[in-house]
Amino acid sequence: MTREDFMRIFIDVSNKIISLGIDKGYFDPSKKEELEDKLRSIINKDIQELDDSHGLAYFNPNIQTLGFNINQITTEGDAITLILHEEKHILD
């Protein structure tokens, strides 16, 4: 998968995760703006591109960084699963 393809998927998923979480009862609707700000602050930082020694993806809460091994992500489904997993860590 190219970085451009991954980022297209990443932006699409990121734009939908909070609304979906609210609709499903996972997030308090009154915290929507707070959650959007939290997610946006991480996304606005450079998303690190990992090499094979770092696994598929990570979120480091101590320094608020997000990384993905784009070379190992081959399908859109895999990309969506990893993005949702890491963004769930951010929003918790």
PDB file of N, CA and C in Angstrom:
ATOM      1  N   MET A   1       0.852  -1.174   0.000  1.00  0.00           N
ATOM      2  CA  MET A   1       0.000   0.000   0.000  1.00  0.00           C
ATOM      3  C   MET A   1       0.901   1.242   0.000  1.00  0.00           C
ATOM      4  N   THR A   2       0.529   2.224  -0.760  1.00  0.00           N
ATOM      5  CA  THR A   2       1.310   3.456  -0.784  1.00  0.00           C
ATOM      6  C   THR A   2       0.915   4.341   0.404  1.00  0.00           C
ATOM      7  N   ARG A   3       1.800   5.253   0.756  1.00  0.00           N
ATOM      8  CA  ARG A   3       1.501   6.200   1.836  1.00  0.00           C
ATOM      9  C   ARG A   3       0.269   7.028   1.482  1.00  0.00           C
ATOM     10  N   GLU A   4       0.128   7.406   0.228  1.00  0.00           N
ATOM     11  CA  GLU A   4      -1.009   8.216  -0.213  1.00  0.00           C
ATOM     12  C   GLU A   4      -2.320   7.446  -0.021  1.00  0.00           C
ATOM     13  N   ASP A   5      -2.327   6.156  -0.405  1.00  0.00           N
ATOM     14  CA  ASP A   5      -3.522   5.329  -0.206  1.00  0.00           C
ATOM     15  C   ASP A   5      -3.849   5.198   1.273  1.00  0.00           C
ATOM     16  N   PHE A   6      -2.820   4.942   2.078  1.00  0.00           N
ATOM     17  CA  PHE A   6      -3.025   4.796   3.511  1.00  0.00           C
ATOM     18  C   PHE A   6      -3.581   6.082   4.115  1.00  0.00           C
ATOM     19  N   MET A   7      -3.021   7.215   3.752  1.00  0.00           N
ATOM     20  CA  MET A   7      -3.475   8.489   4.314  1.00  0.00           C
ATOM     21  C   MET A   7      -4.907   8.804   3.893  1.00  0.00           C
ATOM     22  N   ARG A   8      -5.289   8.431   2.698  1.00  0.00           N
ATOM     23  CA  ARG A   8      -6.673   8.631   2.250  1.00  0.00           C
ATOM     24  C   ARG A   8      -7.620   7.831   3.148  1.00  0.00           C
ATOM     25  N   ILE A   9      -7.268   6.580   3.409  1.00  0.00           N
ATOM     26  CA  ILE A   9      -8.074   5.730   4.288  1.00  0.00           C
ATOM     27  C   ILE A   9      -8.061   6.285   5.707  1.00  0.00           C
ATOM     28  N   PHE A  10      -6.889   6.693   6.173  1.00  0.00           N
ATOM     29  CA  PHE A  10      -6.733   7.223   7.532  1.00  0.00           C
ATOM     30  C   PHE A  10      -7.639   8.435   7.753  1.00  0.00           C
ATOM     31  N   ILE A  11      -7.636   9.354   6.824  1.00  0.00           N
ATOM     32  CA  ILE A  11      -8.454  10.569   6.961  1.00  0.00           C
ATOM     33  C   ILE A  11      -9.944  10.217   6.950  1.00  0.00           C
ATOM     34  N   ASP A  12     -10.336   9.307   6.070  1.00  0.00           N
ATOM     35  CA  ASP A  12     -11.739   8.900   5.987  1.00  0.00           C
ATOM     36  C   ASP A  12     -12.197   8.253   7.297  1.00  0.00           C
ATOM     37  N   VAL A  13     -11.397   7.317   7.819  1.00  0.00           N
ATOM     38  CA  VAL A  13     -11.737   6.629   9.072  1.00  0.00           C
ATOM     39  C   VAL A  13     -11.749   7.620  10.231  1.00  0.00           C
ATOM     40  N   SER A  14     -10.772   8.494  10.289  1.00  0.00           N
ATOM     41  CA  SER A  14     -10.668   9.461  11.383  1.00  0.00           C
ATOM     42  C   SER A  14     -11.866  10.403  11.416  1.00  0.00           C
ATOM     43  N   ASN A  15     -12.373  10.752  10.246  1.00  0.00           N
ATOM     44  CA  ASN A  15     -13.529  11.646  10.182  1.00  0.00           C
ATOM     45  C   ASN A  15     -14.807  10.974  10.668  1.00  0.00           C
ATOM     46  N   LYS A  16     -14.834   9.647  10.724  1.00  0.00           N
ATOM     47  CA  LYS A  16     -16.058   8.924  11.072  1.00  0.00           C
ATOM     48  C   LYS A  16     -16.053   8.278  12.461  1.00  0.00           C
ATOM     49  N   ILE A  17     -14.893   8.062  13.044  1.00  0.00           N
ATOM     50  CA  ILE A  17     -14.814   7.248  14.260  1.00  0.00           C
ATOM     51  C   ILE A  17     -15.579   7.848  15.443  1.00  0.00           C
ATOM     52  N   ILE A  18     -15.537   9.120  15.638  1.00  0.00           N
ATOM     53  CA  ILE A  18     -16.194   9.720  16.797  1.00  0.00           C
ATOM     54  C   ILE A  18     -17.711   9.665  16.647  1.00  0.00           C
ATOM     55  N   SER A  19     -18.201   9.997  15.470  1.00  0.00           N
ATOM     56  CA  SER A  19     -19.651   9.915  15.241  1.00  0.00           C
ATOM     57  C   SER A  19     -20.158   8.488  15.403  1.00  0.00           C
ATOM     58  N   LEU A  20     -19.416   7.532  14.878  1.00  0.00           N
ATOM     59  CA  LEU A  20     -19.797   6.130  15.020  1.00  0.00           C
ATOM     60  C   LEU A  20     -19.795   5.718  16.492  1.00  0.00           C
ATOM     61  N   GLY A  21     -18.767   6.124  17.228  1.00  0.00           N
ATOM     62  CA  GLY A  21     -18.692   5.789  18.646  1.00  0.00           C
ATOM     63  C   GLY A  21     -19.832   6.390  19.444  1.00  0.00           C
ATOM     64  N   ILE A  22     -20.233   7.604  19.109  1.00  0.00           N
ATOM     65  CA  ILE A  22     -21.364   8.247  19.787  1.00  0.00           C
ATOM     66  C   ILE A  22     -22.655   7.512  19.425  1.00  0.00           C
ATOM     67  N   ASP A  23     -22.838   7.227  18.126  1.00  0.00           N
ATOM     68  CA  ASP A  23     -24.045   6.522  17.675  1.00  0.00           C
ATOM     69  C   ASP A  23     -24.196   5.161  18.342  1.00  0.00           C
ATOM     70  N   LYS A  24     -23.091   4.482  18.596  1.00  0.00           N
ATOM     71  CA  LYS A  24     -23.122   3.149  19.198  1.00  0.00           C
ATOM     72  C   LYS A  24     -23.095   3.179  20.727  1.00  0.00           C
ATOM     73  N   GLY A  25     -23.018   4.378  21.321  1.00  0.00           N
ATOM     74  CA  GLY A  25     -23.044   4.503  22.765  1.00  0.00           C
ATOM     75  C   GLY A  25     -21.700   4.336  23.450  1.00  0.00           C
ATOM     76  N   TYR A  26     -20.606   4.314  22.685  1.00  0.00           N
ATOM     77  CA  TYR A  26     -19.277   4.156  23.277  1.00  0.00           C
ATOM     78  C   TYR A  26     -18.750   5.460  23.863  1.00  0.00           C
ATOM     79  N   PHE A  27     -19.149   6.578  23.283  1.00  0.00           N
ATOM     80  CA  PHE A  27     -18.683   7.891  23.736  1.00  0.00           C
ATOM     81  C   PHE A  27     -19.869   8.744  24.142  1.00  0.00           C
ATOM     82  N   ASP A  28     -19.659   9.583  25.134  1.00  0.00           N
ATOM     83  CA  ASP A  28     -20.665  10.525  25.605  1.00  0.00           C
ATOM     84  C   ASP A  28     -20.808  11.644  24.564  1.00  0.00           C
ATOM     85  N   PRO A  29     -22.023  11.864  24.047  1.00  0.00           N
ATOM     86  CA  PRO A  29     -22.221  12.906  23.034  1.00  0.00           C
ATOM     87  C   PRO A  29     -21.763  14.292  23.485  1.00  0.00           C
ATOM     88  N   SER A  30     -21.830  14.573  24.791  1.00  0.00           N
ATOM     89  CA  SER A  30     -21.422  15.898  25.273  1.00  0.00           C
ATOM     90  C   SER A  30     -19.904  16.096  25.179  1.00  0.00           C
ATOM     91  N   LYS A  31     -19.173  15.002  24.945  1.00  0.00           N
ATOM     92  CA  LYS A  31     -17.711  15.098  24.839  1.00  0.00           C
ATOM     93  C   LYS A  31     -17.224  15.069  23.400  1.00  0.00           C
ATOM     94  N   LYS A  32     -18.141  15.209  22.445  1.00  0.00           N
ATOM     95  CA  LYS A  32     -17.776  15.112  21.033  1.00  0.00           C
ATOM     96  C   LYS A  32     -16.659  16.099  20.670  1.00  0.00           C
ATOM     97  N   GLU A  33     -16.825  17.354  21.040  1.00  0.00           N
ATOM     98  CA  GLU A  33     -15.826  18.369  20.686  1.00  0.00           C
ATOM     99  C   GLU A  33     -14.477  18.067  21.344  1.00  0.00           C
ATOM    100  N   GLU A  34     -14.501  17.655  22.591  1.00  0.00           N
ATOM    101  CA  GLU A  34     -13.269  17.299  23.304  1.00  0.00           C
ATOM    102  C   GLU A  34     -12.555  16.134  22.610  1.00  0.00           C
ATOM    103  N   LEU A  35     -13.314  15.112  22.215  1.00  0.00           N
ATOM    104  CA  LEU A  35     -12.732  13.957  21.527  1.00  0.00           C
ATOM    105  C   LEU A  35     -12.178  14.354  20.155  1.00  0.00           C
ATOM    106  N   GLU A  36     -12.910  15.195  19.448  1.00  0.00           N
ATOM    107  CA  GLU A  36     -12.432  15.665  18.137  1.00  0.00           C
ATOM    108  C   GLU A  36     -11.129  16.434  18.286  1.00  0.00           C
ATOM    109  N   ASP A  37     -11.045  17.288  19.297  1.00  0.00           N
ATOM    110  CA  ASP A  37      -9.815  18.052  19.537  1.00  0.00           C
ATOM    111  C   ASP A  37      -8.648  17.124  19.880  1.00  0.00           C
ATOM    112  N   LYS A  38      -8.914  16.134  20.704  1.00  0.00           N
ATOM    113  CA  LYS A  38      -7.880  15.179  21.110  1.00  0.00           C
ATOM    114  C   LYS A  38      -7.350  14.413  19.899  1.00  0.00           C
ATOM    115  N   LEU A  39      -8.259  13.913  19.079  1.00  0.00           N
ATOM    116  CA  LEU A  39      -7.867  13.163  17.891  1.00  0.00           C
ATOM    117  C   LEU A  39      -7.134  14.062  16.898  1.00  0.00           C
ATOM    118  N   ARG A  40      -7.651  15.258  16.699  1.00  0.00           N
ATOM    119  CA  ARG A  40      -7.033  16.198  15.756  1.00  0.00           C
ATOM    120  C   ARG A  40      -5.613  16.576  16.180  1.00  0.00           C
ATOM    121  N   SER A  41      -5.395  16.721  17.479  1.00  0.00           N
ATOM    122  CA  SER A  41      -4.057  17.109  17.944  1.00  0.00           C
ATOM    123  C   SER A  41      -3.030  16.025  17.629  1.00  0.00           C
ATOM    124  N   ILE A  42      -3.437  14.756  17.684  1.00  0.00           N
ATOM    125  CA  ILE A  42      -2.529  13.655  17.349  1.00  0.00           C
ATOM    126  C   ILE A  42      -2.337  13.575  15.839  1.00  0.00           C
ATOM    127  N   ILE A  43      -3.429  13.696  15.111  1.00  0.00           N
ATOM    128  CA  ILE A  43      -3.378  13.565  13.650  1.00  0.00           C
ATOM    129  C   ILE A  43      -2.556  14.691  13.032  1.00  0.00           C
ATOM    130  N   ASN A  44      -2.620  15.873  13.619  1.00  0.00           N
ATOM    131  CA  ASN A  44      -1.884  17.005  13.062  1.00  0.00           C
ATOM    132  C   ASN A  44      -0.374  16.868  13.217  1.00  0.00           C
ATOM    133  N   LYS A  45       0.045  15.992  14.136  1.00  0.00           N
ATOM    134  CA  LYS A  45       1.471  15.686  14.229  1.00  0.00           C
ATOM    135  C   LYS A  45       1.805  14.749  13.081  1.00  0.00           C
ATOM    136  N   ASP A  46       3.055  14.652  12.760  1.00  0.00           N
ATOM    137  CA  ASP A  46       3.470  13.756  11.689  1.00  0.00           C
ATOM    138  C   ASP A  46       3.239  12.312  12.100  1.00  0.00           C
ATOM    139  N   ILE A  47       2.526  11.568  11.286  1.00  0.00           N
ATOM    140  CA  ILE A  47       2.333  10.145  11.536  1.00  0.00           C
ATOM    141  C   ILE A  47       3.605   9.446  11.090  1.00  0.00           C
ATOM    142  N   GLN A  48       4.234   8.741  12.015  1.00  0.00           N
ATOM    143  CA  GLN A  48       5.501   8.098  11.717  1.00  0.00           C
ATOM    144  C   GLN A  48       5.300   6.859  10.868  1.00  0.00           C
ATOM    145  N   GLU A  49       6.199   6.669   9.932  1.00  0.00           N
ATOM    146  CA  GLU A  49       6.187   5.464   9.123  1.00  0.00           C
ATOM    147  C   GLU A  49       7.198   4.496   9.725  1.00  0.00           C
ATOM    148  N   LEU A  50       6.705   3.369  10.225  1.00  0.00           N
ATOM    149  CA  LEU A  50       7.532   2.397  10.945  1.00  0.00           C
ATOM    150  C   LEU A  50       8.220   1.437   9.988  1.00  0.00           C
ATOM    151  N   ASP A  51       9.336   0.859  10.461  1.00  0.00           N
ATOM    152  CA  ASP A  51       9.966  -0.220   9.693  1.00  0.00           C
ATOM    153  C   ASP A  51       9.548  -1.551  10.313  1.00  0.00           C
ATOM    154  N   ASP A  52       9.997  -2.637   9.725  1.00  0.00           N
ATOM    155  CA  ASP A  52       9.554  -3.964  10.143  1.00  0.00           C
ATOM    156  C   ASP A  52       9.925  -4.314  11.581  1.00  0.00           C
ATOM    157  N   SER A  53      10.919  -3.654  12.156  1.00  0.00           N
ATOM    158  CA  SER A  53      11.327  -3.974  13.520  1.00  0.00           C
ATOM    159  C   SER A  53      10.367  -3.414  14.572  1.00  0.00           C
ATOM    160  N   HIS A  54       9.419  -2.573  14.167  1.00  0.00           N
ATOM    161  CA  HIS A  54       8.510  -1.926  15.114  1.00  0.00           C
ATOM    162  C   HIS A  54       7.088  -2.485  15.100  1.00  0.00           C
ATOM    163  N   GLY A  55       6.830  -3.538  14.362  1.00  0.00           N
ATOM    164  CA  GLY A  55       5.479  -4.084  14.305  1.00  0.00           C
ATOM    165  C   GLY A  55       4.617  -3.339  13.303  1.00  0.00           C
ATOM    166  N   LEU A  56       3.305  -3.506  13.425  1.00  0.00           N
ATOM    167  CA  LEU A  56       2.380  -2.919  12.441  1.00  0.00           C
ATOM    168  C   LEU A  56       1.957  -1.494  12.766  1.00  0.00           C
ATOM    169  N   ALA A  57       1.735  -1.209  14.044  1.00  0.00           N
ATOM    170  CA  ALA A  57       1.242   0.121  14.405  1.00  0.00           C
ATOM    171  C   ALA A  57       1.452   0.356  15.892  1.00  0.00           C
ATOM    172  N   TYR A  58       1.454   1.631  16.275  1.00  0.00           N
ATOM    173  CA  TYR A  58       1.534   1.950  17.701  1.00  0.00           C
ATOM    174  C   TYR A  58       1.029   3.359  17.958  1.00  0.00           C
ATOM    175  N   PHE A  59       0.609   3.571  19.188  1.00  0.00           N
ATOM    176  CA  PHE A  59       0.331   4.896  19.708  1.00  0.00           C
ATOM    177  C   PHE A  59       1.102   5.015  21.004  1.00  0.00           C
ATOM    178  N   ASN A  60       1.936   6.032  21.123  1.00  0.00           N
ATOM    179  CA  ASN A  60       2.701   6.261  22.340  1.00  0.00           C
ATOM    180  C   ASN A  60       2.023   7.391  23.114  1.00  0.00           C
ATOM    181  N   PRO A  61       1.338   7.069  24.208  1.00  0.00           N
ATOM    182  CA  PRO A  61       0.627   8.107  24.956  1.00  0.00           C
ATOM    183  C   PRO A  61       1.544   9.090  25.678  1.00  0.00           C
ATOM    184  N   ASN A  62       2.778   8.679  25.940  1.00  0.00           N
ATOM    185  CA  ASN A  62       3.702   9.564  26.656  1.00  0.00           C
ATOM    186  C   ASN A  62       4.135  10.753  25.812  1.00  0.00           C
ATOM    187  N   ILE A  63       4.351  10.504  24.528  1.00  0.00           N
ATOM    188  CA  ILE A  63       4.779  11.606  23.656  1.00  0.00           C
ATOM    189  C   ILE A  63       3.753  11.899  22.563  1.00  0.00           C
ATOM    190  N   GLN A  64       2.585  11.251  22.695  1.00  0.00           N
ATOM    191  CA  GLN A  64       1.459  11.514  21.800  1.00  0.00           C
ATOM    192  C   GLN A  64       1.825  11.356  20.322  1.00  0.00           C
ATOM    193  N   THR A  65       2.435  10.214  19.989  1.00  0.00           N
ATOM    194  CA  THR A  65       2.790   9.952  18.591  1.00  0.00           C
ATOM    195  C   THR A  65       2.111   8.678  18.106  1.00  0.00           C
ATOM    196  N   LEU A  66       1.905   8.645  16.821  1.00  0.00           N
ATOM    197  CA  LEU A  66       1.207   7.558  16.161  1.00  0.00           C
ATOM    198  C   LEU A  66       2.071   7.087  15.005  1.00  0.00           C
ATOM    199  N   GLY A  67       2.171   5.775  14.827  1.00  0.00           N
ATOM    200  CA  GLY A  67       2.985   5.258  13.732  1.00  0.00           C
ATOM    201  C   GLY A  67       2.366   4.013  13.127  1.00  0.00           C
ATOM    202  N   PHE A  68       2.619   3.812  11.842  1.00  0.00           N
ATOM    203  CA  PHE A  68       2.116   2.648  11.118  1.00  0.00           C
ATOM    204  C   PHE A  68       3.202   2.111  10.202  1.00  0.00           C
ATOM    205  N   ASN A  69       3.262   0.794  10.075  1.00  0.00           N
ATOM    206  CA  ASN A  69       4.179   0.152   9.138  1.00  0.00           C
ATOM    207  C   ASN A  69       3.414  -0.036   7.835  1.00  0.00           C
ATOM    208  N   ILE A  70       3.384   0.982   7.034  1.00  0.00           N
ATOM    209  CA  ILE A  70       2.579   1.008   5.814  1.00  0.00           C
ATOM    210  C   ILE A  70       3.011  -0.079   4.832  1.00  0.00           C
ATOM    211  N   ASN A  71       4.292  -0.422   4.827  1.00  0.00           N
ATOM    212  CA  ASN A  71       4.778  -1.465   3.918  1.00  0.00           C
ATOM    213  C   ASN A  71       4.160  -2.832   4.211  1.00  0.00           C
ATOM    214  N   GLN A  72       3.736  -3.058   5.455  1.00  0.00           N
ATOM    215  CA  GLN A  72       3.158  -4.344   5.835  1.00  0.00           C
ATOM    216  C   GLN A  72       1.624  -4.364   5.772  1.00  0.00           C
ATOM    217  N   ILE A  73       1.024  -3.222   5.501  1.00  0.00           N
ATOM    218  CA  ILE A  73      -0.435  -3.130   5.417  1.00  0.00           C
ATOM    219  C   ILE A  73      -0.808  -3.284   3.945  1.00  0.00           C
ATOM    220  N   THR A  74      -1.471  -4.387   3.622  1.00  0.00           N
ATOM    221  CA  THR A  74      -1.708  -4.693   2.209  1.00  0.00           C
ATOM    222  C   THR A  74      -3.139  -4.468   1.742  1.00  0.00           C
ATOM    223  N   THR A  75      -4.096  -4.455   2.681  1.00  0.00           N
ATOM    224  CA  THR A  75      -5.485  -4.285   2.263  1.00  0.00           C
ATOM    225  C   THR A  75      -6.123  -3.105   2.977  1.00  0.00           C
ATOM    226  N   GLU A  76      -7.177  -2.594   2.409  1.00  0.00           N
ATOM    227  CA  GLU A  76      -7.910  -1.506   3.035  1.00  0.00           C
ATOM    228  C   GLU A  76      -8.516  -1.966   4.363  1.00  0.00           C
ATOM    229  N   GLY A  77      -8.981  -3.210   4.404  1.00  0.00           N
ATOM    230  CA  GLY A  77      -9.539  -3.753   5.644  1.00  0.00           C
ATOM    231  C   GLY A  77      -8.517  -3.782   6.766  1.00  0.00           C
ATOM    232  N   ASP A  78      -7.295  -4.204   6.447  1.00  0.00           N
ATOM    233  CA  ASP A  78      -6.226  -4.208   7.456  1.00  0.00           C
ATOM    234  C   ASP A  78      -5.920  -2.788   7.919  1.00  0.00           C
ATOM    235  N   ALA A  79      -5.881  -1.851   6.984  1.00  0.00           N
ATOM    236  CA  ALA A  79      -5.607  -0.452   7.327  1.00  0.00           C
ATOM    237  C   ALA A  79      -6.687   0.085   8.261  1.00  0.00           C
ATOM    238  N   ILE A  80      -7.940  -0.171   7.929  1.00  0.00           N
ATOM    239  CA  ILE A  80      -9.048   0.323   8.746  1.00  0.00           C
ATOM    240  C   ILE A  80      -8.986  -0.279  10.153  1.00  0.00           C
ATOM    241  N   THR A  81      -8.731  -1.567  10.243  1.00  0.00           N
ATOM    242  CA  THR A  81      -8.654  -2.236  11.544  1.00  0.00           C
ATOM    243  C   THR A  81      -7.554  -1.627  12.410  1.00  0.00           C
ATOM    244  N   LEU A  82      -6.378  -1.433  11.840  1.00  0.00           N
ATOM    245  CA  LEU A  82      -5.263  -0.859  12.601  1.00  0.00           C
ATOM    246  C   LEU A  82      -5.531   0.589  13.001  1.00  0.00           C
ATOM    247  N   ILE A  83      -6.090   1.355  12.093  1.00  0.00           N
ATOM    248  CA  ILE A  83      -6.394   2.760  12.386  1.00  0.00           C
ATOM    249  C   ILE A  83      -7.409   2.847  13.526  1.00  0.00           C
ATOM    250  N   LEU A  84      -8.482   2.068  13.435  1.00  0.00           N
ATOM    251  CA  LEU A  84      -9.495   2.088  14.486  1.00  0.00           C
ATOM    252  C   LEU A  84      -8.914   1.655  15.830  1.00  0.00           C
ATOM    253  N   HIS A  85      -8.070   0.636  15.806  1.00  0.00           N
ATOM    254  CA  HIS A  85      -7.453   0.155  17.040  1.00  0.00           C
ATOM    255  C   HIS A  85      -6.604   1.239  17.698  1.00  0.00           C
ATOM    256  N   GLU A  86      -5.742   1.880  16.927  1.00  0.00           N
ATOM    257  CA  GLU A  86      -4.861   2.907  17.490  1.00  0.00           C
ATOM    258  C   GLU A  86      -5.644   4.144  17.904  1.00  0.00           C
ATOM    259  N   GLU A  87      -6.646   4.526  17.120  1.00  0.00           N
ATOM    260  CA  GLU A  87      -7.437   5.706  17.486  1.00  0.00           C
ATOM    261  C   GLU A  87      -8.290   5.440  18.729  1.00  0.00           C
ATOM    262  N   LYS A  88      -8.679   4.211  18.944  1.00  0.00           N
ATOM    263  CA  LYS A  88      -9.397   3.858  20.175  1.00  0.00           C
ATOM    264  C   LYS A  88      -8.501   4.124  21.389  1.00  0.00           C
ATOM    265  N   HIS A  89      -7.205   3.799  21.270  1.00  0.00           N
ATOM    266  CA  HIS A  89      -6.276   4.109  22.356  1.00  0.00           C
ATOM    267  C   HIS A  89      -6.228   5.618  22.614  1.00  0.00           C
ATOM    268  N   ILE A  90      -6.205   6.388  21.553  1.00  0.00           N
ATOM    269  CA  ILE A  90      -6.151   7.847  21.686  1.00  0.00           C
ATOM    270  C   ILE A  90      -7.384   8.368  22.403  1.00  0.00           C
ATOM    271  N   LEU A  91      -8.542   7.832  22.052  1.00  0.00           N
ATOM    272  CA  LEU A  91      -9.806   8.360  22.576  1.00  0.00           C
ATOM    273  C   LEU A  91     -10.165   7.835  23.966  1.00  0.00           C
ATOM    274  N   ASP A  92      -9.494   6.778  24.408  1.00  0.00           N
ATOM    275  CA  ASP A  92      -9.777   6.242  25.752  1.00  0.00           C
ATOM    276  C   ASP A  92      -9.304   7.189  26.838  1.00  0.00           C
TER     277      ASP A  92
END
